């Protein structure tokens, strides 16, 4: 089994498209198809179901993708640490919100102040980030929930607010104008994140506080991609709980409406994860200090 085949498969799963995977990896589409076919032949199982309109990853394919992400991350860390250049590379696993909406500005400024430092960033959900840090695949993790494992230590570094976003329509505009509560909107079709997401945990806390059983909601989809959720809400598919950071661009562009949750139910904390007992490198210590001291970038 070759690393290039695993890398291709992970990109196909991530993008949901042979064409996009080929473009991102600078490969031809036939090469991407060949890599997937060789993996399937080697494992003796179907990983990807192809139709005329879309692709669907099989259950075994989803399991392989999880293993492959860990293998590729460990390989990258091995090269970094064993090539004599590990001192200038910081490997970070981050869940969706930190990865997409916090790290870009932080890394840009930190890189300006430390031009010798390079970053290896892996995006996962909160559960995947915890697992990767626990297994030593990454120097540290950034997630939107407190870790479940007692072998990890978590240090809060910034917070966020959960909101409910809705399509822009006359109905929702009228609800917005009369300051309708979020509870009044929960009879509408709703899109939720999948298990393992910090955002889902935050939404669950709100629902529990309001004594609303999740099974009573009209859930039309469970999706882990924030951009897909925003586009589906903007397209009228349903409403969704989302980080205010993730929703901001669509709200400002007036593509979706945002409803605030009741005080005390909406705030979520973001954490820096490290393994207990680790001796952090000077670079890791400096980056953590930078994160905590530059709130204007967060």
C-alpha atoms as a PDB file:
ATOM      1  CA  UNK A   1       0.000   0.000   0.000  1.00  0.00           C
ATOM      2  CA  UNK A   2       1.556   3.292  -1.097  1.00  0.00           C
ATOM      3  CA  UNK A   3       1.316   6.624   0.702  1.00  0.00           C
ATOM      4  CA  UNK A   4       0.319   8.374  -2.523  1.00  0.00           C
ATOM      5  CA  UNK A   5      -2.726   6.088  -2.833  1.00  0.00           C
ATOM      6  CA  UNK A   6      -3.790   6.898   0.731  1.00  0.00           C
ATOM      7  CA  UNK A   7      -3.259  10.625   0.172  1.00  0.00           C
ATOM      8  CA  UNK A   8      -5.405  10.489  -2.984  1.00  0.00           C
ATOM      9  CA  UNK A   9      -8.157   8.541  -1.214  1.00  0.00           C
ATOM     10  CA  UNK A  10      -8.248  10.967   1.732  1.00  0.00           C
ATOM     11  CA  UNK A  11      -8.571  13.907  -0.679  1.00  0.00           C
ATOM     12  CA  UNK A  12     -11.419  12.184  -2.571  1.00  0.00           C
ATOM     13  CA  UNK A  13     -13.251  11.620   0.735  1.00  0.00           C
ATOM     14  CA  UNK A  14     -12.569  15.207   1.863  1.00  0.00           C
ATOM     15  CA  UNK A  15     -13.771  16.848  -1.359  1.00  0.00           C
ATOM     16  CA  UNK A  16     -16.411  14.293  -2.354  1.00  0.00           C
ATOM     17  CA  UNK A  17     -15.153  14.577  -5.923  1.00  0.00           C
ATOM     18  CA  UNK A  18     -12.593  12.850  -8.164  1.00  0.00           C
ATOM     19  CA  UNK A  19     -12.280  16.055 -10.196  1.00  0.00           C
ATOM     20  CA  UNK A  20     -11.610  18.305  -7.200  1.00  0.00           C
ATOM     21  CA  UNK A  21      -9.201  15.788  -5.684  1.00  0.00           C
ATOM     22  CA  UNK A  22      -7.256  15.646  -8.939  1.00  0.00           C
ATOM     23  CA  UNK A  23      -7.077  19.446  -9.110  1.00  0.00           C
ATOM     24  CA  UNK A  24      -5.941  19.812  -5.481  1.00  0.00           C
ATOM     25  CA  UNK A  25      -3.264  17.120  -5.832  1.00  0.00           C
ATOM     26  CA  UNK A  26      -2.130  18.289  -9.293  1.00  0.00           C
ATOM     27  CA  UNK A  27      -2.968  14.892 -10.780  1.00  0.00           C
ATOM     28  CA  UNK A  28      -5.052  13.852 -13.752  1.00  0.00           C
ATOM     29  CA  UNK A  29      -8.500  12.447 -13.048  1.00  0.00           C
ATOM     30  CA  UNK A  30      -7.572   9.046 -14.560  1.00  0.00           C
ATOM     31  CA  UNK A  31      -4.612   8.893 -12.146  1.00  0.00           C
ATOM     32  CA  UNK A  32      -6.908   9.559  -9.186  1.00  0.00           C
ATOM     33  CA  UNK A  33      -9.270   6.820 -10.407  1.00  0.00           C
ATOM     34  CA  UNK A  34      -6.319   4.440 -10.793  1.00  0.00           C
ATOM     35  CA  UNK A  35      -5.092   5.112  -7.256  1.00  0.00           C
ATOM     36  CA  UNK A  36      -8.547   4.367  -5.816  1.00  0.00           C
ATOM     37  CA  UNK A  37      -8.923   1.237  -7.946  1.00  0.00           C
ATOM     38  CA  UNK A  38      -5.497  -0.075  -6.837  1.00  0.00           C
ATOM     39  CA  UNK A  39      -6.448   0.472  -3.185  1.00  0.00           C
ATOM     40  CA  UNK A  40      -9.729  -1.377  -3.688  1.00  0.00           C
ATOM     41  CA  UNK A  41      -7.979  -4.269  -5.439  1.00  0.00           C
ATOM     42  CA  UNK A  42      -5.335  -4.506  -2.713  1.00  0.00           C
ATOM     43  CA  UNK A  43      -7.929  -4.520   0.077  1.00  0.00           C
ATOM     44  CA  UNK A  44     -10.418  -6.634  -1.831  1.00  0.00           C
ATOM     45  CA  UNK A  45     -13.342  -4.345  -1.081  1.00  0.00           C
ATOM     46  CA  UNK A  46     -15.290  -1.450  -2.565  1.00  0.00           C
ATOM     47  CA  UNK A  47     -14.344   1.913  -1.020  1.00  0.00           C
ATOM     48  CA  UNK A  48     -16.187   4.319  -3.321  1.00  0.00           C
ATOM     49  CA  UNK A  49     -19.573   3.870  -4.974  1.00  0.00           C
ATOM     50  CA  UNK A  50     -19.730   5.822  -8.234  1.00  0.00           C
ATOM     51  CA  UNK A  51     -22.938   7.105  -9.830  1.00  0.00           C
ATOM     52  CA  UNK A  52     -23.481   9.430 -12.756  1.00  0.00           C
ATOM     53  CA  UNK A  53     -24.018  12.445 -10.465  1.00  0.00           C
ATOM     54  CA  UNK A  54     -21.997  11.865  -7.300  1.00  0.00           C
ATOM     55  CA  UNK A  55     -19.799   9.507  -5.346  1.00  0.00           C
ATOM     56  CA  UNK A  56     -20.605   7.784  -2.081  1.00  0.00           C
ATOM     57  CA  UNK A  57     -18.016   6.490   0.383  1.00  0.00           C
ATOM     58  CA  UNK A  58     -18.761   3.024   1.762  1.00  0.00           C
ATOM     59  CA  UNK A  59     -18.643   2.272   5.487  1.00  0.00           C
ATOM     60  CA  UNK A  60     -15.287   0.519   5.053  1.00  0.00           C
ATOM     61  CA  UNK A  61     -14.114   3.495   3.021  1.00  0.00           C
ATOM     62  CA  UNK A  62     -14.968   5.877   5.875  1.00  0.00           C
ATOM     63  CA  UNK A  63     -13.029   3.644   8.279  1.00  0.00           C
ATOM     64  CA  UNK A  64     -10.020   3.520   5.963  1.00  0.00           C
ATOM     65  CA  UNK A  65     -10.070   7.316   5.561  1.00  0.00           C
ATOM     66  CA  UNK A  66      -9.788   7.722   9.336  1.00  0.00           C
ATOM     67  CA  UNK A  67      -6.800   5.344   9.479  1.00  0.00           C
ATOM     68  CA  UNK A  68      -5.209   6.973   6.437  1.00  0.00           C
ATOM     69  CA  UNK A  69      -5.411  10.483   7.943  1.00  0.00           C
ATOM     70  CA  UNK A  70      -3.579   9.264  11.058  1.00  0.00           C
ATOM     71  CA  UNK A  71      -0.957   7.413   8.988  1.00  0.00           C
ATOM     72  CA  UNK A  72      -0.245  10.441   6.797  1.00  0.00           C
ATOM     73  CA  UNK A  73      -0.059  12.778   9.795  1.00  0.00           C
ATOM     74  CA  UNK A  74       2.356  10.428  11.581  1.00  0.00           C
ATOM     75  CA  UNK A  75       4.479  10.103   8.434  1.00  0.00           C
ATOM     76  CA  UNK A  76       4.708  13.891   8.134  1.00  0.00           C
ATOM     77  CA  UNK A  77       5.692  14.249  11.770  1.00  0.00           C
ATOM     78  CA  UNK A  78       8.299  11.490  11.409  1.00  0.00           C
ATOM     79  CA  UNK A  79       9.941  13.263   8.483  1.00  0.00           C
ATOM     80  CA  UNK A  80       9.879  16.583  10.326  1.00  0.00           C
ATOM     81  CA  UNK A  81      11.367  15.269  13.560  1.00  0.00           C
ATOM     82  CA  UNK A  82      13.879  12.831  12.087  1.00  0.00           C
ATOM     83  CA  UNK A  83      15.219  15.068   9.324  1.00  0.00           C
ATOM     84  CA  UNK A  84      16.768  17.513  11.785  1.00  0.00           C
ATOM     85  CA  UNK A  85      14.177  20.169  11.008  1.00  0.00           C
ATOM     86  CA  UNK A  86      11.650  19.291  13.699  1.00  0.00           C
ATOM     87  CA  UNK A  87      12.636  22.252  15.831  1.00  0.00           C
ATOM     88  CA  UNK A  88      11.137  24.654  13.252  1.00  0.00           C
ATOM     89  CA  UNK A  89       7.907  22.763  12.495  1.00  0.00           C
ATOM     90  CA  UNK A  90       4.821  22.846  14.708  1.00  0.00           C
ATOM     91  CA  UNK A  91       2.169  20.213  14.016  1.00  0.00           C
ATOM     92  CA  UNK A  92      -1.359  21.204  15.018  1.00  0.00           C
ATOM     93  CA  UNK A  93      -4.669  19.389  14.754  1.00  0.00           C
ATOM     94  CA  UNK A  94      -7.684  21.696  14.864  1.00  0.00           C
ATOM     95  CA  UNK A  95     -11.429  21.198  14.748  1.00  0.00           C
ATOM     96  CA  UNK A  96     -13.476  23.045  12.148  1.00  0.00           C
ATOM     97  CA  UNK A  97     -13.948  26.482  13.739  1.00  0.00           C
ATOM     98  CA  UNK A  98     -10.365  26.959  14.999  1.00  0.00           C
ATOM     99  CA  UNK A  99      -8.981  25.647  11.704  1.00  0.00           C
ATOM    100  CA  UNK A 100     -11.098  27.832   9.419  1.00  0.00           C
ATOM    101  CA  UNK A 101     -11.787  30.964  11.452  1.00  0.00           C
ATOM    102  CA  UNK A 102      -9.088  31.342  14.130  1.00  0.00           C
ATOM    103  CA  UNK A 103      -5.813  29.866  12.904  1.00  0.00           C
ATOM    104  CA  UNK A 104      -5.410  31.765   9.593  1.00  0.00           C
ATOM    105  CA  UNK A 105      -4.896  35.189  11.199  1.00  0.00           C
ATOM    106  CA  UNK A 106      -2.901  33.725  14.103  1.00  0.00           C
ATOM    107  CA  UNK A 107      -0.498  31.813  11.866  1.00  0.00           C
ATOM    108  CA  UNK A 108      -0.010  34.796   9.597  1.00  0.00           C
ATOM    109  CA  UNK A 109       1.035  37.067  12.467  1.00  0.00           C
ATOM    110  CA  UNK A 110       3.060  34.420  14.295  1.00  0.00           C
ATOM    111  CA  UNK A 111       4.860  33.606  11.042  1.00  0.00           C
ATOM    112  CA  UNK A 112       5.816  37.247  10.596  1.00  0.00           C
ATOM    113  CA  UNK A 113       7.365  37.322  14.059  1.00  0.00           C
ATOM    114  CA  UNK A 114       8.980  33.870  13.674  1.00  0.00           C
ATOM    115  CA  UNK A 115       9.929  33.473  10.000  1.00  0.00           C
ATOM    116  CA  UNK A 116      11.926  30.304  10.723  1.00  0.00           C
ATOM    117  CA  UNK A 117       8.796  28.439  11.872  1.00  0.00           C
ATOM    118  CA  UNK A 118       6.615  26.296   9.601  1.00  0.00           C
ATOM    119  CA  UNK A 119       3.262  24.709  10.404  1.00  0.00           C
ATOM    120  CA  UNK A 120       1.712  21.343   9.668  1.00  0.00           C
ATOM    121  CA  UNK A 121      -2.065  21.752  10.097  1.00  0.00           C
ATOM    122  CA  UNK A 122      -4.558  18.876  10.175  1.00  0.00           C
ATOM    123  CA  UNK A 123      -8.299  19.592  10.223  1.00  0.00           C
ATOM    124  CA  UNK A 124     -10.633  17.142  11.932  1.00  0.00           C
ATOM    125  CA  UNK A 125     -13.648  17.233  14.204  1.00  0.00           C
ATOM    126  CA  UNK A 126     -13.159  17.639  17.953  1.00  0.00           C
ATOM    127  CA  UNK A 127     -13.119  13.877  18.573  1.00  0.00           C
ATOM    128  CA  UNK A 128     -10.525  13.316  15.843  1.00  0.00           C
ATOM    129  CA  UNK A 129      -8.345  16.116  17.174  1.00  0.00           C
ATOM    130  CA  UNK A 130      -8.439  14.670  20.686  1.00  0.00           C
ATOM    131  CA  UNK A 131      -7.506  11.228  19.363  1.00  0.00           C
ATOM    132  CA  UNK A 132      -4.615  12.588  17.289  1.00  0.00           C
ATOM    133  CA  UNK A 133      -3.100  14.534  20.196  1.00  0.00           C
ATOM    134  CA  UNK A 134      -3.593  11.593  22.549  1.00  0.00           C
ATOM    135  CA  UNK A 135      -1.774   9.279  20.139  1.00  0.00           C
ATOM    136  CA  UNK A 136       1.112  11.719  19.780  1.00  0.00           C
ATOM    137  CA  UNK A 137       0.467  12.526  16.126  1.00  0.00           C
ATOM    138  CA  UNK A 138       0.410  16.275  16.821  1.00  0.00           C
ATOM    139  CA  UNK A 139       2.184  18.701  19.134  1.00  0.00           C
ATOM    140  CA  UNK A 140      -1.106  20.234  20.246  1.00  0.00           C
ATOM    141  CA  UNK A 141      -4.775  20.441  19.358  1.00  0.00           C
ATOM    142  CA  UNK A 142      -7.383  23.195  19.208  1.00  0.00           C
ATOM    143  CA  UNK A 143     -11.003  22.167  19.780  1.00  0.00           C
ATOM    144  CA  UNK A 144     -14.385  23.555  20.699  1.00  0.00           C
ATOM    145  CA  UNK A 145     -15.106  21.171  23.547  1.00  0.00           C
ATOM    146  CA  UNK A 146     -13.457  19.936  26.735  1.00  0.00           C
ATOM    147  CA  UNK A 147     -11.732  16.585  26.079  1.00  0.00           C
ATOM    148  CA  UNK A 148     -13.255  13.340  27.273  1.00  0.00           C
ATOM    149  CA  UNK A 149      -9.922  11.663  27.989  1.00  0.00           C
ATOM    150  CA  UNK A 150      -8.295  12.292  31.372  1.00  0.00           C
ATOM    151  CA  UNK A 151      -4.922  11.817  29.683  1.00  0.00           C
ATOM    152  CA  UNK A 152      -5.323  15.204  27.997  1.00  0.00           C
ATOM    153  CA  UNK A 153      -5.052  18.609  29.607  1.00  0.00           C
ATOM    154  CA  UNK A 154      -7.168  21.443  28.227  1.00  0.00           C
ATOM    155  CA  UNK A 155      -6.490  25.142  28.562  1.00  0.00           C
ATOM    156  CA  UNK A 156      -9.142  27.632  27.400  1.00  0.00           C
ATOM    157  CA  UNK A 157      -7.872  30.383  25.097  1.00  0.00           C
ATOM    158  CA  UNK A 158     -10.939  32.042  23.546  1.00  0.00           C
ATOM    159  CA  UNK A 159     -14.719  31.749  23.330  1.00  0.00           C
ATOM    160  CA  UNK A 160     -17.438  31.898  20.716  1.00  0.00           C
ATOM    161  CA  UNK A 161     -21.214  32.256  20.560  1.00  0.00           C
ATOM    162  CA  UNK A 162     -23.587  29.785  18.968  1.00  0.00           C
ATOM    163  CA  UNK A 163     -26.449  31.230  16.901  1.00  0.00           C
ATOM    164  CA  UNK A 164     -29.356  29.845  14.934  1.00  0.00           C
ATOM    165  CA  UNK A 165     -29.206  30.724  11.237  1.00  0.00           C
ATOM    166  CA  UNK A 166     -32.203  30.647   8.909  1.00  0.00           C
ATOM    167  CA  UNK A 167     -32.911  31.301   5.231  1.00  0.00           C
ATOM    168  CA  UNK A 168     -33.812  34.840   4.202  1.00  0.00           C
ATOM    169  CA  UNK A 169     -37.565  34.816   3.586  1.00  0.00           C
ATOM    170  CA  UNK A 170     -40.554  36.953   4.502  1.00  0.00           C
ATOM    171  CA  UNK A 171     -41.496  34.471   7.249  1.00  0.00           C
ATOM    172  CA  UNK A 172     -38.110  34.568   8.943  1.00  0.00           C
ATOM    173  CA  UNK A 173     -37.759  38.338   8.471  1.00  0.00           C
ATOM    174  CA  UNK A 174     -41.070  38.816  10.278  1.00  0.00           C
ATOM    175  CA  UNK A 175     -39.866  36.505  13.065  1.00  0.00           C
ATOM    176  CA  UNK A 176     -36.672  38.537  13.272  1.00  0.00           C
ATOM    177  CA  UNK A 177     -38.545  41.854  13.433  1.00  0.00           C
ATOM    178  CA  UNK A 178     -40.696  40.726  16.325  1.00  0.00           C
ATOM    179  CA  UNK A 179     -37.680  39.233  18.144  1.00  0.00           C
ATOM    180  CA  UNK A 180     -39.024  35.693  18.078  1.00  0.00           C
ATOM    181  CA  UNK A 181     -37.266  33.233  20.349  1.00  0.00           C
ATOM    182  CA  UNK A 182     -35.175  30.415  18.940  1.00  0.00           C
ATOM    183  CA  UNK A 183     -37.578  27.943  20.503  1.00  0.00           C
ATOM    184  CA  UNK A 184     -40.380  29.265  18.248  1.00  0.00           C
ATOM    185  CA  UNK A 185     -38.326  28.353  15.171  1.00  0.00           C
ATOM    186  CA  UNK A 186     -37.507  24.769  16.097  1.00  0.00           C
ATOM    187  CA  UNK A 187     -40.554  23.335  14.343  1.00  0.00           C
ATOM    188  CA  UNK A 188     -38.793  24.076  11.044  1.00  0.00           C
ATOM    189  CA  UNK A 189     -36.588  21.583   9.124  1.00  0.00           C
ATOM    190  CA  UNK A 190     -33.140  21.642  10.752  1.00  0.00           C
ATOM    191  CA  UNK A 191     -29.619  20.661   9.689  1.00  0.00           C
ATOM    192  CA  UNK A 192     -27.342  19.360  12.455  1.00  0.00           C
ATOM    193  CA  UNK A 193     -23.645  18.556  12.685  1.00  0.00           C
ATOM    194  CA  UNK A 194     -22.539  14.918  12.964  1.00  0.00           C
ATOM    195  CA  UNK A 195     -21.379  13.172  16.130  1.00  0.00           C
ATOM    196  CA  UNK A 196     -17.918  14.212  17.320  1.00  0.00           C
ATOM    197  CA  UNK A 197     -18.504  17.883  16.595  1.00  0.00           C
ATOM    198  CA  UNK A 198     -18.044  20.520  19.289  1.00  0.00           C
ATOM    199  CA  UNK A 199     -20.812  22.540  17.645  1.00  0.00           C
ATOM    200  CA  UNK A 200     -23.241  19.650  18.102  1.00  0.00           C
ATOM    201  CA  UNK A 201     -22.257  19.421  21.770  1.00  0.00           C
ATOM    202  CA  UNK A 202     -22.975  23.144  22.156  1.00  0.00           C
ATOM    203  CA  UNK A 203     -26.350  22.778  20.419  1.00  0.00           C
ATOM    204  CA  UNK A 204     -27.152  19.801  22.656  1.00  0.00           C
ATOM    205  CA  UNK A 205     -26.455  21.925  25.741  1.00  0.00           C
ATOM    206  CA  UNK A 206     -28.940  24.542  24.528  1.00  0.00           C
ATOM    207  CA  UNK A 207     -31.591  21.925  23.761  1.00  0.00           C
ATOM    208  CA  UNK A 208     -31.081  20.252  27.143  1.00  0.00           C
ATOM    209  CA  UNK A 209     -31.416  23.621  28.882  1.00  0.00           C
ATOM    210  CA  UNK A 210     -34.691  24.213  27.072  1.00  0.00           C
ATOM    211  CA  UNK A 211     -35.815  20.629  27.819  1.00  0.00           C
ATOM    212  CA  UNK A 212     -36.150  19.899  24.089  1.00  0.00           C
ATOM    213  CA  UNK A 213     -35.531  16.310  22.998  1.00  0.00           C
ATOM    214  CA  UNK A 214     -33.407  16.198  19.841  1.00  0.00           C
ATOM    215  CA  UNK A 215     -35.594  13.351  18.555  1.00  0.00           C
ATOM    216  CA  UNK A 216     -38.535  15.792  18.411  1.00  0.00           C
ATOM    217  CA  UNK A 217     -36.751  17.974  15.825  1.00  0.00           C
ATOM    218  CA  UNK A 218     -37.360  17.635  12.094  1.00  0.00           C
ATOM    219  CA  UNK A 219     -33.757  16.809  11.158  1.00  0.00           C
ATOM    220  CA  UNK A 220     -33.345  16.845   7.373  1.00  0.00           C
ATOM    221  CA  UNK A 221     -29.557  16.344   7.237  1.00  0.00           C
ATOM    222  CA  UNK A 222     -26.449  15.791   9.353  1.00  0.00           C
ATOM    223  CA  UNK A 223     -23.366  17.369   7.819  1.00  0.00           C
ATOM    224  CA  UNK A 224     -19.902  18.120   9.172  1.00  0.00           C
ATOM    225  CA  UNK A 225     -18.934  20.755   6.611  1.00  0.00           C
ATOM    226  CA  UNK A 226     -19.712  24.301   7.805  1.00  0.00           C
ATOM    227  CA  UNK A 227     -19.681  25.802   4.306  1.00  0.00           C
ATOM    228  CA  UNK A 228     -22.115  23.176   3.061  1.00  0.00           C
ATOM    229  CA  UNK A 229     -24.429  23.900   5.992  1.00  0.00           C
ATOM    230  CA  UNK A 230     -24.381  27.659   5.324  1.00  0.00           C
ATOM    231  CA  UNK A 231     -25.092  27.151   1.626  1.00  0.00           C
ATOM    232  CA  UNK A 232     -27.947  24.735   2.372  1.00  0.00           C
ATOM    233  CA  UNK A 233     -29.520  27.168   4.842  1.00  0.00           C
ATOM    234  CA  UNK A 234     -29.112  30.042   2.366  1.00  0.00           C
ATOM    235  CA  UNK A 235     -30.750  27.824  -0.242  1.00  0.00           C
ATOM    236  CA  UNK A 236     -33.811  27.275   1.945  1.00  0.00           C
ATOM    237  CA  UNK A 237     -33.208  23.644   2.944  1.00  0.00           C
ATOM    238  CA  UNK A 238     -33.563  24.331   6.657  1.00  0.00           C
ATOM    239  CA  UNK A 239     -32.233  26.126   9.714  1.00  0.00           C
ATOM    240  CA  UNK A 240     -29.111  25.254  11.707  1.00  0.00           C
ATOM    241  CA  UNK A 241     -27.108  25.961  14.846  1.00  0.00           C
ATOM    242  CA  UNK A 242     -23.751  27.453  13.904  1.00  0.00           C
ATOM    243  CA  UNK A 243     -20.794  29.287  15.367  1.00  0.00           C
ATOM    244  CA  UNK A 244     -21.200  33.056  15.059  1.00  0.00           C
ATOM    245  CA  UNK A 245     -17.657  33.132  13.625  1.00  0.00           C
ATOM    246  CA  UNK A 246     -18.629  30.692  10.885  1.00  0.00           C
ATOM    247  CA  UNK A 247     -21.919  32.463  10.165  1.00  0.00           C
ATOM    248  CA  UNK A 248     -20.550  36.034  10.128  1.00  0.00           C
ATOM    249  CA  UNK A 249     -19.698  36.268   6.422  1.00  0.00           C
ATOM    250  CA  UNK A 250     -23.111  34.978   5.289  1.00  0.00           C
ATOM    251  CA  UNK A 251     -24.940  37.180   7.826  1.00  0.00           C
ATOM    252  CA  UNK A 252     -23.077  40.308   6.708  1.00  0.00           C
ATOM    253  CA  UNK A 253     -23.793  39.443   3.060  1.00  0.00           C
ATOM    254  CA  UNK A 254     -27.493  39.065   4.004  1.00  0.00           C
ATOM    255  CA  UNK A 255     -27.588  35.522   2.690  1.00  0.00           C
ATOM    256  CA  UNK A 256     -28.856  34.147   6.026  1.00  0.00           C
ATOM    257  CA  UNK A 257     -30.497  35.549   9.150  1.00  0.00           C
ATOM    258  CA  UNK A 258     -29.019  35.063  12.619  1.00  0.00           C
ATOM    259  CA  UNK A 259     -30.989  34.545  15.843  1.00  0.00           C
ATOM    260  CA  UNK A 260     -29.255  34.772  19.212  1.00  0.00           C
ATOM    261  CA  UNK A 261     -29.716  31.992  21.751  1.00  0.00           C
ATOM    262  CA  UNK A 262     -30.812  32.867  25.316  1.00  0.00           C
ATOM    263  CA  UNK A 263     -28.054  34.262  27.575  1.00  0.00           C
ATOM    264  CA  UNK A 264     -26.067  31.558  29.292  1.00  0.00           C
ATOM    265  CA  UNK A 265     -26.833  28.872  26.691  1.00  0.00           C
ATOM    266  CA  UNK A 266     -24.912  30.146  23.692  1.00  0.00           C
ATOM    267  CA  UNK A 267     -21.271  30.582  24.722  1.00  0.00           C
ATOM    268  CA  UNK A 268     -18.786  27.857  23.875  1.00  0.00           C
ATOM    269  CA  UNK A 269     -15.152  27.714  24.875  1.00  0.00           C
ATOM    270  CA  UNK A 270     -12.170  26.787  22.716  1.00  0.00           C
ATOM    271  CA  UNK A 271      -9.334  24.777  24.226  1.00  0.00           C
ATOM    272  CA  UNK A 272      -5.642  24.096  23.670  1.00  0.00           C
ATOM    273  CA  UNK A 273      -5.090  20.353  24.095  1.00  0.00           C
ATOM    274  CA  UNK A 274      -1.841  18.686  25.141  1.00  0.00           C
ATOM    275  CA  UNK A 275      -0.993  15.284  26.525  1.00  0.00           C
ATOM    276  CA  UNK A 276      -0.539  15.260  30.280  1.00  0.00           C
ATOM    277  CA  UNK A 277       3.080  14.717  31.207  1.00  0.00           C
ATOM    278  CA  UNK A 278       4.420  16.052  27.901  1.00  0.00           C
ATOM    279  CA  UNK A 279       7.457  18.298  28.047  1.00  0.00           C
ATOM    280  CA  UNK A 280       6.576  20.989  25.487  1.00  0.00           C
ATOM    281  CA  UNK A 281       9.276  22.341  23.209  1.00  0.00           C
ATOM    282  CA  UNK A 282      10.224  26.032  23.430  1.00  0.00           C
ATOM    283  CA  UNK A 283       8.428  26.546  20.111  1.00  0.00           C
ATOM    284  CA  UNK A 284       5.211  25.017  21.427  1.00  0.00           C
ATOM    285  CA  UNK A 285       5.402  27.113  24.601  1.00  0.00           C
ATOM    286  CA  UNK A 286       5.923  30.281  22.562  1.00  0.00           C
ATOM    287  CA  UNK A 287       3.000  29.522  20.258  1.00  0.00           C
ATOM    288  CA  UNK A 288       0.649  28.839  23.189  1.00  0.00           C
ATOM    289  CA  UNK A 289       1.770  32.076  24.849  1.00  0.00           C
ATOM    290  CA  UNK A 290       1.097  33.900  21.573  1.00  0.00           C
ATOM    291  CA  UNK A 291      -2.399  32.389  21.313  1.00  0.00           C
ATOM    292  CA  UNK A 292      -3.356  33.494  24.802  1.00  0.00           C
ATOM    293  CA  UNK A 293      -1.869  36.978  24.512  1.00  0.00           C
ATOM    294  CA  UNK A 294      -3.224  38.030  21.104  1.00  0.00           C
ATOM    295  CA  UNK A 295      -6.969  38.093  21.661  1.00  0.00           C
ATOM    296  CA  UNK A 296      -7.364  40.752  18.956  1.00  0.00           C
ATOM    297  CA  UNK A 297      -6.533  38.115  16.337  1.00  0.00           C
ATOM    298  CA  UNK A 298      -9.047  35.563  17.641  1.00  0.00           C
END
